[in-house]
Amino acid sequence: MTFKELKEAFMNDSPVKFHGAEYKKITCLSFKKDREGHVIETATLIDHCGRSEVTVLGKEVEQCD
């Protein structure tokens, strides 16, 4: 997803997918820099039970159908 799509899903509490698994919503969007100074967008996703969070690359998150 683009940052604009990630932000929209975050603001709307929309469900998203990561590597085929569906997550309840995005709880956090952040930026990090790698060793070369490139900006990396990350998203923290929460599962449907609300017990597990995973932080992933934003570009690997997908919208649910």
C-alpha atoms as a PDB file:
ATOM      1  CA  MET A   1       0.000   0.000   0.000  1.00  0.00           C
ATOM      2  CA  THR A   2       1.080   3.564  -0.531  1.00  0.00           C
ATOM      3  CA  PHE A   3       1.466   5.821   2.494  1.00  0.00           C
ATOM      4  CA  LYS A   4      -1.784   7.568   1.531  1.00  0.00           C
ATOM      5  CA  GLU A   5      -3.627   4.209   1.494  1.00  0.00           C
ATOM      6  CA  LEU A   6      -2.024   3.192   4.795  1.00  0.00           C
ATOM      7  CA  LYS A   7      -3.073   6.465   6.402  1.00  0.00           C
ATOM      8  CA  GLU A   8      -6.638   6.081   5.130  1.00  0.00           C
ATOM      9  CA  ALA A   9      -6.866   2.509   6.477  1.00  0.00           C
ATOM     10  CA  PHE A  10      -5.373   3.710   9.792  1.00  0.00           C
ATOM     11  CA  MET A  11      -7.829   6.596  10.164  1.00  0.00           C
ATOM     12  CA  ASN A  12     -10.831   4.403   9.252  1.00  0.00           C
ATOM     13  CA  ASP A  13      -9.784   1.407  11.426  1.00  0.00           C
ATOM     14  CA  SER A  14     -10.063  -0.738   8.286  1.00  0.00           C
ATOM     15  CA  PRO A  15      -8.950  -4.382   8.275  1.00  0.00           C
ATOM     16  CA  VAL A  16      -5.800  -5.136   6.266  1.00  0.00           C
ATOM     17  CA  LYS A  17      -3.815  -8.154   5.075  1.00  0.00           C
ATOM     18  CA  PHE A  18      -0.157  -9.053   5.460  1.00  0.00           C
ATOM     19  CA  HIS A  19       1.252 -12.171   3.773  1.00  0.00           C
ATOM     20  CA  GLY A  20      -2.270 -13.564   3.352  1.00  0.00           C
ATOM     21  CA  ALA A  21      -3.309 -13.148   7.007  1.00  0.00           C
ATOM     22  CA  GLU A  22      -6.035 -10.650   7.864  1.00  0.00           C
ATOM     23  CA  TYR A  23      -5.503  -8.150  10.695  1.00  0.00           C
ATOM     24  CA  LYS A  24      -8.134  -6.111  12.514  1.00  0.00           C
ATOM     25  CA  LYS A  25      -6.537  -2.717  11.911  1.00  0.00           C
ATOM     26  CA  ILE A  26      -3.386  -0.614  11.777  1.00  0.00           C
ATOM     27  CA  THR A  27      -2.538   0.783  15.214  1.00  0.00           C
ATOM     28  CA  CYS A  28       0.563   2.792  14.331  1.00  0.00           C
ATOM     29  CA  LEU A  29       2.327   4.263  11.303  1.00  0.00           C
ATOM     30  CA  SER A  30       5.957   5.284  11.584  1.00  0.00           C
ATOM     31  CA  PHE A  31       9.049   6.159   9.611  1.00  0.00           C
ATOM     32  CA  LYS A  32      12.544   4.778  10.088  1.00  0.00           C
ATOM     33  CA  LYS A  33      15.829   5.365   8.293  1.00  0.00           C
ATOM     34  CA  ASP A  34      18.052   2.546   7.091  1.00  0.00           C
ATOM     35  CA  ARG A  35      21.854   2.670   7.181  1.00  0.00           C
ATOM     36  CA  GLU A  36      21.983   4.518   3.861  1.00  0.00           C
ATOM     37  CA  GLY A  37      19.494   7.143   5.052  1.00  0.00           C
ATOM     38  CA  HIS A  38      16.511   5.893   3.019  1.00  0.00           C
ATOM     39  CA  VAL A  39      13.147   6.428   4.701  1.00  0.00           C
ATOM     40  CA  ILE A  40      11.186   3.248   5.412  1.00  0.00           C
ATOM     41  CA  GLU A  41       7.462   3.347   6.205  1.00  0.00           C
ATOM     42  CA  THR A  42       6.294   0.807   8.774  1.00  0.00           C
ATOM     43  CA  ALA A  43       2.845  -0.169  10.021  1.00  0.00           C
ATOM     44  CA  THR A  44       1.931  -1.904  13.272  1.00  0.00           C
ATOM     45  CA  LEU A  45      -0.978  -4.311  12.816  1.00  0.00           C
ATOM     46  CA  ILE A  46      -3.159  -5.864  15.506  1.00  0.00           C
ATOM     47  CA  ASP A  47      -4.787  -9.276  15.131  1.00  0.00           C
ATOM     48  CA  HIS A  48      -8.521  -9.923  15.528  1.00  0.00           C
ATOM     49  CA  CYS A  49      -8.116 -11.170  19.123  1.00  0.00           C
ATOM     50  CA  GLY A  50      -6.314  -7.973  20.097  1.00  0.00           C
ATOM     51  CA  ARG A  51      -3.492  -9.906  21.747  1.00  0.00           C
ATOM     52  CA  SER A  52      -0.782  -9.786  19.116  1.00  0.00           C
ATOM     53  CA  GLU A  53       0.851  -6.941  17.225  1.00  0.00           C
ATOM     54  CA  VAL A  54       3.328  -7.098  14.371  1.00  0.00           C
ATOM     55  CA  THR A  55       5.325  -4.248  12.811  1.00  0.00           C
ATOM     56  CA  VAL A  56       5.865  -4.661   9.084  1.00  0.00           C
ATOM     57  CA  LEU A  57       6.945  -2.726   6.008  1.00  0.00           C
ATOM     58  CA  GLY A  58       4.085  -0.554   4.830  1.00  0.00           C
ATOM     59  CA  LYS A  59       4.616  -1.554   1.208  1.00  0.00           C
ATOM     60  CA  GLU A  60       3.860  -5.196   2.126  1.00  0.00           C
ATOM     61  CA  VAL A  61       0.432  -4.432   3.627  1.00  0.00           C
ATOM     62  CA  GLU A  62      -2.615  -5.023   1.437  1.00  0.00           C
ATOM     63  CA  GLN A  63      -6.195  -3.811   1.558  1.00  0.00           C
ATOM     64  CA  CYS A  64      -8.879  -6.368   2.348  1.00  0.00           C
ATOM     65  CA  ASP A  65     -11.418  -7.126  -0.359  1.00  0.00           C
END
